Amino acid sequence: MRTFDFAPLYRSTVGFDRLFDMLDSSIRPDWPPYDIEKLGEDSYRISMAVAGFSASEIELTQEGTALLVTGSKTRDDDKRQYLHQGIANRSFKQTFSLADHVKVDGASLENGLLTITLVREVPEQLKPRRIAIGNAPAGASLGQQPQQIEQTARAAA
């Protein structure tokens, strides 16, 4: 696999660091593997395969619209001799970009699968609302203030 070094581009550009971070993360393999599911209109689930990690070795942090999942494996200092080591016990750091108003509802670790439940909670004042159309009093024009409309309605009566 080819690797690209974006360091020279970081040195010669200003303000494009986010673009280069996205390019850099797109060519790196995602570790650990994960699934993202849509469960309903406003609920989601991220499932990550974290075999060999305990709950105390995994940390979830939500800061604004970024969800950071970090796993740090403590090294065993015993003298094991592996003939084949296929289970990756390396530390990881995975960042997910969340939409506005999406929050972590809960997380669980079972059988090597970390499950993170997300919900979108839009505040009431930001939800769309239907506005009823009413009839204006007779003789009221569009540019009049409410006091002027009331005076026009009294004069017409």
N, C-alpha and C. Protein backbone atom coordinates (compact mmCIF):
# COMPACT_ATOMS: atom_id res chain seq x y z
N MET A 1 0.85 -1.18 0.00
CA MET A 1 0.00 0.00 0.00
C MET A 1 0.88 1.24 0.00
N ARG A 2 0.52 2.21 -0.78
CA ARG A 2 1.27 3.45 -0.85
C ARG A 2 0.84 4.39 0.26
N THR A 3 1.80 5.10 0.77
CA THR A 3 1.49 6.13 1.76
C THR A 3 1.92 7.47 1.20
N PHE A 4 1.19 8.48 1.52
CA PHE A 4 1.48 9.83 1.06
C PHE A 4 1.83 10.69 2.26
N ASP A 5 2.83 11.52 2.10
CA ASP A 5 3.23 12.43 3.16
C ASP A 5 2.73 13.82 2.81
N PHE A 6 1.77 14.32 3.60
CA PHE A 6 1.20 15.64 3.34
C PHE A 6 1.94 16.75 4.08
N ALA A 7 3.03 16.41 4.78
CA ALA A 7 3.77 17.41 5.56
C ALA A 7 4.24 18.60 4.73
N PRO A 8 4.77 18.41 3.51
CA PRO A 8 5.18 19.59 2.73
C PRO A 8 4.01 20.51 2.40
N LEU A 9 2.83 19.94 2.21
CA LEU A 9 1.66 20.76 1.90
C LEU A 9 1.21 21.56 3.12
N TYR A 10 1.34 20.98 4.32
CA TYR A 10 1.00 21.71 5.54
C TYR A 10 1.89 22.94 5.72
N ARG A 11 3.16 22.80 5.35
CA ARG A 11 4.10 23.90 5.55
C ARG A 11 3.87 25.05 4.58
N SER A 12 3.36 24.76 3.38
CA SER A 12 3.29 25.80 2.35
C SER A 12 1.89 26.36 2.15
N THR A 13 0.92 25.95 2.94
CA THR A 13 -0.44 26.46 2.80
C THR A 13 -0.95 26.95 4.14
N VAL A 14 -1.89 27.86 4.08
CA VAL A 14 -2.49 28.40 5.29
C VAL A 14 -4.00 28.24 5.17
N GLY A 15 -4.62 27.64 6.16
CA GLY A 15 -6.08 27.52 6.18
C GLY A 15 -6.63 26.28 5.51
N PHE A 16 -5.77 25.42 4.97
CA PHE A 16 -6.25 24.22 4.29
C PHE A 16 -6.01 22.96 5.11
N ASP A 17 -5.68 23.12 6.40
CA ASP A 17 -5.33 21.97 7.22
C ASP A 17 -6.48 20.97 7.34
N ARG A 18 -7.71 21.46 7.38
CA ARG A 18 -8.85 20.53 7.49
C ARG A 18 -8.97 19.68 6.22
N LEU A 19 -8.73 20.29 5.06
CA LEU A 19 -8.77 19.55 3.80
C LEU A 19 -7.73 18.44 3.78
N PHE A 20 -6.51 18.76 4.22
CA PHE A 20 -5.45 17.76 4.23
C PHE A 20 -5.70 16.69 5.27
N ASP A 21 -6.33 17.04 6.39
CA ASP A 21 -6.71 16.04 7.39
C ASP A 21 -7.71 15.04 6.80
N MET A 22 -8.68 15.56 6.03
CA MET A 22 -9.66 14.69 5.40
C MET A 22 -9.00 13.78 4.37
N LEU A 23 -8.08 14.31 3.57
CA LEU A 23 -7.36 13.49 2.60
C LEU A 23 -6.53 12.42 3.30
N ASP A 24 -5.86 12.82 4.35
CA ASP A 24 -5.01 11.90 5.09
C ASP A 24 -5.83 10.77 5.70
N SER A 25 -6.98 11.12 6.29
CA SER A 25 -7.81 10.09 6.92
C SER A 25 -8.51 9.20 5.89
N SER A 26 -8.70 9.70 4.66
CA SER A 26 -9.38 8.89 3.65
C SER A 26 -8.48 7.79 3.09
N ILE A 27 -7.16 7.96 3.15
CA ILE A 27 -6.29 6.93 2.61
C ILE A 27 -5.84 5.94 3.69
N ARG A 28 -6.05 6.27 4.97
CA ARG A 28 -5.73 5.35 6.04
C ARG A 28 -6.87 4.36 6.21
N PRO A 29 -6.55 3.09 6.45
CA PRO A 29 -7.65 2.13 6.68
C PRO A 29 -8.35 2.43 8.00
N ASP A 30 -9.64 2.20 8.03
CA ASP A 30 -10.41 2.42 9.25
C ASP A 30 -10.14 1.29 10.23
N TRP A 31 -9.66 1.64 11.38
CA TRP A 31 -9.41 0.65 12.42
C TRP A 31 -9.95 1.17 13.72
N PRO A 32 -10.71 0.47 14.43
CA PRO A 32 -11.26 -0.85 14.13
C PRO A 32 -12.43 -0.75 13.16
N PRO A 33 -12.82 -1.88 12.56
CA PRO A 33 -13.96 -1.84 11.63
C PRO A 33 -15.24 -1.47 12.37
N TYR A 34 -16.14 -0.76 11.67
CA TYR A 34 -17.38 -0.32 12.31
C TYR A 34 -18.52 -0.27 11.30
N ASP A 35 -19.74 -0.28 11.81
CA ASP A 35 -20.97 -0.12 11.04
C ASP A 35 -21.72 1.08 11.59
N ILE A 36 -22.42 1.79 10.71
CA ILE A 36 -23.31 2.87 11.14
C ILE A 36 -24.69 2.54 10.60
N GLU A 37 -25.67 2.46 11.50
CA GLU A 37 -27.04 2.10 11.13
C GLU A 37 -28.00 3.24 11.44
N LYS A 38 -29.02 3.38 10.62
CA LYS A 38 -30.12 4.30 10.92
C LYS A 38 -31.27 3.45 11.43
N LEU A 39 -31.63 3.66 12.69
CA LEU A 39 -32.66 2.84 13.33
C LEU A 39 -34.06 3.42 13.14
N GLY A 40 -34.15 4.72 13.02
CA GLY A 40 -35.43 5.39 12.89
C GLY A 40 -35.20 6.79 12.36
N GLU A 41 -36.23 7.61 12.41
CA GLU A 41 -36.14 8.97 11.89
C GLU A 41 -35.05 9.78 12.61
N ASP A 42 -34.94 9.61 13.92
CA ASP A 42 -33.98 10.39 14.70
C ASP A 42 -33.09 9.54 15.58
N SER A 43 -32.83 8.29 15.20
CA SER A 43 -31.97 7.43 16.02
C SER A 43 -31.00 6.65 15.14
N TYR A 44 -29.78 6.50 15.66
CA TYR A 44 -28.71 5.86 14.93
C TYR A 44 -27.92 4.96 15.87
N ARG A 45 -27.11 4.05 15.27
CA ARG A 45 -26.28 3.17 16.08
C ARG A 45 -24.95 2.96 15.36
N ILE A 46 -23.86 3.10 16.12
CA ILE A 46 -22.52 2.79 15.63
C ILE A 46 -22.08 1.52 16.34
N SER A 47 -21.66 0.51 15.58
CA SER A 47 -21.16 -0.74 16.15
C SER A 47 -19.71 -0.88 15.73
N MET A 48 -18.83 -1.07 16.71
CA MET A 48 -17.40 -1.19 16.44
C MET A 48 -16.89 -2.53 16.96
N ALA A 49 -16.08 -3.21 16.13
CA ALA A 49 -15.48 -4.48 16.53
C ALA A 49 -14.20 -4.19 17.31
N VAL A 50 -14.27 -4.36 18.62
CA VAL A 50 -13.13 -4.05 19.51
C VAL A 50 -12.75 -5.28 20.33
N ALA A 51 -12.58 -6.40 19.65
CA ALA A 51 -12.25 -7.65 20.35
C ALA A 51 -10.97 -7.49 21.14
N GLY A 52 -10.99 -7.98 22.37
CA GLY A 52 -9.81 -7.93 23.22
C GLY A 52 -9.73 -6.71 24.11
N PHE A 53 -10.63 -5.73 23.91
CA PHE A 53 -10.64 -4.52 24.74
C PHE A 53 -11.71 -4.64 25.81
N SER A 54 -11.39 -4.16 27.00
CA SER A 54 -12.40 -4.12 28.06
C SER A 54 -13.01 -2.72 28.10
N ALA A 55 -14.08 -2.57 28.83
CA ALA A 55 -14.76 -1.27 28.93
C ALA A 55 -13.85 -0.21 29.54
N SER A 56 -12.95 -0.61 30.42
CA SER A 56 -12.05 0.35 31.06
C SER A 56 -10.95 0.83 30.11
N GLU A 57 -10.74 0.14 29.00
CA GLU A 57 -9.71 0.53 28.04
C GLU A 57 -10.25 1.37 26.89
N ILE A 58 -11.56 1.62 26.89
CA ILE A 58 -12.20 2.39 25.82
C ILE A 58 -12.79 3.65 26.43
N GLU A 59 -12.60 4.77 25.73
CA GLU A 59 -13.12 6.06 26.20
C GLU A 59 -13.92 6.72 25.08
N LEU A 60 -15.11 7.18 25.43
CA LEU A 60 -15.97 7.92 24.49
C LEU A 60 -16.04 9.37 24.94
N THR A 61 -15.83 10.30 24.00
CA THR A 61 -15.89 11.72 24.31
C THR A 61 -16.64 12.44 23.20
N GLN A 62 -17.68 13.20 23.57
CA GLN A 62 -18.38 14.02 22.59
C GLN A 62 -18.08 15.48 22.89
N GLU A 63 -17.54 16.16 21.90
CA GLU A 63 -17.24 17.58 22.03
C GLU A 63 -17.85 18.28 20.83
N GLY A 64 -18.95 18.99 21.07
CA GLY A 64 -19.66 19.64 19.98
C GLY A 64 -20.25 18.60 19.05
N THR A 65 -19.86 18.65 17.78
CA THR A 65 -20.38 17.70 16.80
C THR A 65 -19.38 16.59 16.49
N ALA A 66 -18.37 16.42 17.32
CA ALA A 66 -17.37 15.37 17.11
C ALA A 66 -17.48 14.32 18.22
N LEU A 67 -17.54 13.06 17.81
CA LEU A 67 -17.53 11.94 18.76
C LEU A 67 -16.20 11.23 18.60
N LEU A 68 -15.42 11.18 19.66
CA LEU A 68 -14.10 10.55 19.65
C LEU A 68 -14.16 9.26 20.44
N VAL A 69 -13.78 8.16 19.79
CA VAL A 69 -13.71 6.85 20.44
C VAL A 69 -12.24 6.47 20.48
N THR A 70 -11.71 6.28 21.69
CA THR A 70 -10.31 5.96 21.88
C THR A 70 -10.17 4.66 22.64
N GLY A 71 -9.30 3.80 22.15
CA GLY A 71 -9.00 2.55 22.84
C GLY A 71 -7.51 2.46 23.07
N SER A 72 -7.11 2.30 24.31
CA SER A 72 -5.68 2.16 24.60
C SER A 72 -5.47 0.84 25.32
N LYS A 73 -4.73 -0.01 24.67
CA LYS A 73 -4.48 -1.35 25.19
C LYS A 73 -3.23 -1.33 26.04
N THR A 74 -3.35 -1.88 27.22
CA THR A 74 -2.18 -1.99 28.09
C THR A 74 -1.37 -3.20 27.64
N ARG A 75 -0.08 -3.01 27.56
CA ARG A 75 0.81 -4.07 27.09
C ARG A 75 1.08 -5.08 28.20
N ASP A 76 0.99 -6.33 27.84
CA ASP A 76 1.37 -7.38 28.78
C ASP A 76 2.88 -7.55 28.71
N ASP A 77 3.52 -7.47 29.84
CA ASP A 77 4.97 -7.58 29.86
C ASP A 77 5.45 -9.02 30.06
N ASP A 78 4.52 -9.96 30.01
CA ASP A 78 4.96 -11.34 30.16
C ASP A 78 5.66 -11.81 28.88
N LYS A 79 6.37 -12.85 29.00
CA LYS A 79 7.19 -13.35 27.90
C LYS A 79 6.43 -14.39 27.08
N ARG A 80 5.40 -13.95 26.39
CA ARG A 80 4.67 -14.86 25.52
C ARG A 80 5.44 -15.05 24.22
N GLN A 81 5.36 -16.24 23.72
CA GLN A 81 6.00 -16.52 22.44
C GLN A 81 4.91 -16.91 21.46
N TYR A 82 4.64 -16.01 20.51
CA TYR A 82 3.59 -16.25 19.53
C TYR A 82 4.16 -16.96 18.31
N LEU A 83 3.46 -17.97 17.84
CA LEU A 83 3.79 -18.58 16.56
C LEU A 83 3.08 -17.83 15.44
N HIS A 84 1.91 -17.31 15.76
CA HIS A 84 1.16 -16.45 14.85
C HIS A 84 0.33 -15.50 15.70
N GLN A 85 0.41 -14.21 15.41
CA GLN A 85 -0.38 -13.23 16.16
C GLN A 85 -1.29 -12.50 15.18
N GLY A 86 -2.54 -12.92 15.12
CA GLY A 86 -3.49 -12.34 14.19
C GLY A 86 -4.48 -11.39 14.84
N ILE A 87 -4.55 -11.39 16.17
CA ILE A 87 -5.47 -10.49 16.87
C ILE A 87 -4.74 -9.18 17.11
N ALA A 88 -5.25 -8.14 16.52
CA ALA A 88 -4.62 -6.82 16.65
C ALA A 88 -4.98 -6.23 18.00
N ASN A 89 -3.99 -6.05 18.83
CA ASN A 89 -4.19 -5.44 20.15
C ASN A 89 -3.62 -4.04 20.18
N ARG A 90 -3.68 -3.35 19.06
CA ARG A 90 -3.11 -2.02 19.01
C ARG A 90 -4.14 -0.99 19.43
N SER A 91 -3.65 0.12 19.93
CA SER A 91 -4.52 1.21 20.33
C SER A 91 -5.15 1.85 19.11
N PHE A 92 -6.28 2.51 19.30
CA PHE A 92 -6.95 3.16 18.18
C PHE A 92 -7.57 4.47 18.62
N LYS A 93 -7.88 5.28 17.62
CA LYS A 93 -8.56 6.56 17.83
C LYS A 93 -9.42 6.80 16.61
N GLN A 94 -10.72 6.84 16.79
CA GLN A 94 -11.66 7.00 15.69
C GLN A 94 -12.56 8.20 15.98
N THR A 95 -12.68 9.10 15.02
CA THR A 95 -13.51 10.29 15.19
C THR A 95 -14.68 10.22 14.23
N PHE A 96 -15.88 10.48 14.75
CA PHE A 96 -17.08 10.54 13.93
C PHE A 96 -17.62 11.96 13.96
N SER A 97 -17.98 12.50 12.80
CA SER A 97 -18.60 13.82 12.74
C SER A 97 -20.11 13.64 12.84
N LEU A 98 -20.71 14.28 13.82
CA LEU A 98 -22.14 14.15 14.05
C LEU A 98 -22.85 15.39 13.52
N ALA A 99 -24.09 15.23 13.12
CA ALA A 99 -24.91 16.36 12.69
C ALA A 99 -25.30 17.19 13.91
N ASP A 100 -25.78 18.38 13.67
CA ASP A 100 -26.24 19.24 14.76
C ASP A 100 -27.33 18.54 15.55
N HIS A 101 -27.32 18.71 16.85
CA HIS A 101 -28.33 18.21 17.79
C HIS A 101 -28.33 16.69 17.94
N VAL A 102 -27.28 16.00 17.46
CA VAL A 102 -27.17 14.55 17.67
C VAL A 102 -26.32 14.33 18.91
N LYS A 103 -26.85 13.52 19.83
CA LYS A 103 -26.19 13.28 21.11
C LYS A 103 -26.07 11.78 21.35
N VAL A 104 -25.07 11.39 22.13
CA VAL A 104 -24.91 9.99 22.50
C VAL A 104 -25.94 9.66 23.56
N ASP A 105 -26.74 8.63 23.30
CA ASP A 105 -27.79 8.21 24.22
C ASP A 105 -27.29 7.13 25.18
N GLY A 106 -26.34 6.32 24.71
CA GLY A 106 -25.81 5.27 25.56
C GLY A 106 -24.76 4.46 24.81
N ALA A 107 -24.04 3.64 25.55
CA ALA A 107 -23.02 2.78 24.95
C ALA A 107 -22.92 1.49 25.76
N SER A 108 -22.62 0.40 25.06
CA SER A 108 -22.44 -0.88 25.74
C SER A 108 -21.36 -1.68 25.02
N LEU A 109 -20.72 -2.57 25.76
CA LEU A 109 -19.68 -3.44 25.22
C LEU A 109 -20.07 -4.87 25.55
N GLU A 110 -20.32 -5.66 24.50
CA GLU A 110 -20.74 -7.03 24.71
C GLU A 110 -20.16 -7.91 23.60
N ASN A 111 -19.51 -8.99 24.00
CA ASN A 111 -18.91 -9.95 23.06
C ASN A 111 -17.97 -9.30 22.06
N GLY A 112 -17.18 -8.32 22.51
CA GLY A 112 -16.21 -7.67 21.63
C GLY A 112 -16.80 -6.66 20.69
N LEU A 113 -18.06 -6.28 20.87
CA LEU A 113 -18.73 -5.32 20.01
C LEU A 113 -19.17 -4.12 20.84
N LEU A 114 -18.59 -2.96 20.53
CA LEU A 114 -18.97 -1.71 21.19
C LEU A 114 -20.14 -1.12 20.42
N THR A 115 -21.25 -0.88 21.11
CA THR A 115 -22.44 -0.33 20.49
C THR A 115 -22.72 1.04 21.08
N ILE A 116 -22.78 2.06 20.22
CA ILE A 116 -23.03 3.43 20.64
C ILE A 116 -24.37 3.85 20.04
N THR A 117 -25.31 4.24 20.89
CA THR A 117 -26.63 4.65 20.44
C THR A 117 -26.68 6.18 20.40
N LEU A 118 -27.14 6.72 19.28
CA LEU A 118 -27.22 8.17 19.08
C LEU A 118 -28.66 8.57 18.80
N VAL A 119 -29.05 9.75 19.28
CA VAL A 119 -30.38 10.30 19.01
C VAL A 119 -30.23 11.77 18.61
N ARG A 120 -31.12 12.18 17.73
CA ARG A 120 -31.16 13.59 17.36
C ARG A 120 -32.30 14.23 18.12
N GLU A 121 -31.97 15.24 18.92
CA GLU A 121 -32.95 15.96 19.72
C GLU A 121 -32.96 17.42 19.28
N VAL A 122 -33.86 17.76 18.38
CA VAL A 122 -33.95 19.13 17.88
C VAL A 122 -34.76 19.94 18.89
N PRO A 123 -34.23 21.08 19.37
CA PRO A 123 -34.98 21.91 20.30
C PRO A 123 -36.31 22.38 19.71
N GLU A 124 -37.30 22.54 20.56
CA GLU A 124 -38.65 22.92 20.12
C GLU A 124 -38.64 24.18 19.26
N GLN A 125 -37.84 25.19 19.64
CA GLN A 125 -37.85 26.45 18.91
C GLN A 125 -37.24 26.31 17.52
N LEU A 126 -36.51 25.22 17.24
CA LEU A 126 -35.93 25.03 15.92
C LEU A 126 -36.73 24.09 15.03
N LYS A 127 -37.73 23.44 15.61
CA LYS A 127 -38.57 22.54 14.81
C LYS A 127 -39.49 23.35 13.92
N PRO A 128 -39.81 22.85 12.73
CA PRO A 128 -40.76 23.56 11.87
C PRO A 128 -42.14 23.60 12.53
N ARG A 129 -42.81 24.70 12.38
CA ARG A 129 -44.16 24.81 12.94
C ARG A 129 -45.10 25.37 11.88
N ARG A 130 -46.33 24.94 11.94
CA ARG A 130 -47.34 25.38 10.99
C ARG A 130 -47.99 26.65 11.52
N ILE A 131 -48.13 27.62 10.66
CA ILE A 131 -48.71 28.91 11.03
C ILE A 131 -50.07 29.04 10.35
N ALA A 132 -51.10 29.26 11.18
CA ALA A 132 -52.45 29.41 10.64
C ALA A 132 -52.60 30.77 9.98
N ILE A 133 -53.35 30.78 8.92
CA ILE A 133 -53.62 32.03 8.20
C ILE A 133 -54.99 32.51 8.64
N GLY A 134 -55.01 33.72 9.19
CA GLY A 134 -56.28 34.28 9.66
C GLY A 134 -56.71 35.42 8.77
N ASN A 135 -57.97 35.85 8.91
CA ASN A 135 -58.49 36.98 8.14
C ASN A 135 -58.23 38.27 8.89
N ALA A 136 -57.75 39.28 8.19
CA ALA A 136 -57.54 40.60 8.78
C ALA A 136 -58.88 41.33 8.80
N PRO A 137 -59.09 42.26 9.76
CA PRO A 137 -60.34 43.02 9.80
C PRO A 137 -60.53 43.81 8.50
N ALA A 138 -61.77 44.04 8.16
CA ALA A 138 -62.09 44.77 6.92
C ALA A 138 -61.46 46.15 6.96
N GLY A 139 -60.91 46.59 5.85
CA GLY A 139 -60.34 47.92 5.74
C GLY A 139 -58.89 47.99 6.18
N ALA A 140 -58.30 46.86 6.63
CA ALA A 140 -56.91 46.88 7.06
C ALA A 140 -56.01 46.64 5.86
N SER A 141 -54.96 47.42 5.77
CA SER A 141 -54.01 47.22 4.68
C SER A 141 -52.77 46.52 5.23
N LEU A 142 -51.92 46.01 4.35
CA LEU A 142 -50.76 45.21 4.76
C LEU A 142 -49.74 45.99 5.57
N GLY A 143 -49.54 47.26 5.31
CA GLY A 143 -48.49 48.02 5.98
C GLY A 143 -48.90 48.60 7.32
N GLN A 144 -50.14 48.43 7.77
CA GLN A 144 -50.59 49.04 9.01
C GLN A 144 -50.13 48.26 10.23
N GLN A 145 -49.89 48.99 11.30
CA GLN A 145 -49.54 48.41 12.58
C GLN A 145 -50.82 47.91 13.26
N PRO A 146 -50.73 47.03 14.27
CA PRO A 146 -51.92 46.52 14.94
C PRO A 146 -52.81 47.62 15.53
N GLN A 147 -52.20 48.69 16.06
CA GLN A 147 -53.01 49.78 16.62
C GLN A 147 -53.81 50.47 15.51
N GLN A 148 -53.17 50.63 14.35
CA GLN A 148 -53.85 51.28 13.23
C GLN A 148 -54.99 50.41 12.71
N ILE A 149 -54.79 49.11 12.73
CA ILE A 149 -55.84 48.18 12.27
C ILE A 149 -57.04 48.29 13.20
N GLU A 150 -56.79 48.34 14.53
CA GLU A 150 -57.87 48.44 15.51
C GLU A 150 -58.64 49.74 15.31
N GLN A 151 -57.92 50.86 15.07
CA GLN A 151 -58.58 52.14 14.85
C GLN A 151 -59.40 52.14 13.57
N THR A 152 -58.88 51.47 12.52
CA THR A 152 -59.60 51.37 11.25
C THR A 152 -60.87 50.55 11.44
N ALA A 153 -60.79 49.48 12.23
CA ALA A 153 -61.96 48.62 12.47
C ALA A 153 -63.02 49.37 13.27
N ARG A 154 -62.62 50.22 14.25
CA ARG A 154 -63.59 51.01 15.03
C ARG A 154 -64.27 52.05 14.15
N ALA A 155 -63.48 52.67 13.28
CA ALA A 155 -64.03 53.72 12.42
C ALA A 155 -65.04 53.13 11.44
N ALA A 156 -64.78 51.88 11.01
CA ALA A 156 -65.69 51.27 10.03
C ALA A 156 -66.99 50.84 10.69
N ALA A 157 -67.00 50.67 12.02
CA ALA A 157 -68.20 50.20 12.70
C ALA A 157 -69.16 51.27 13.04
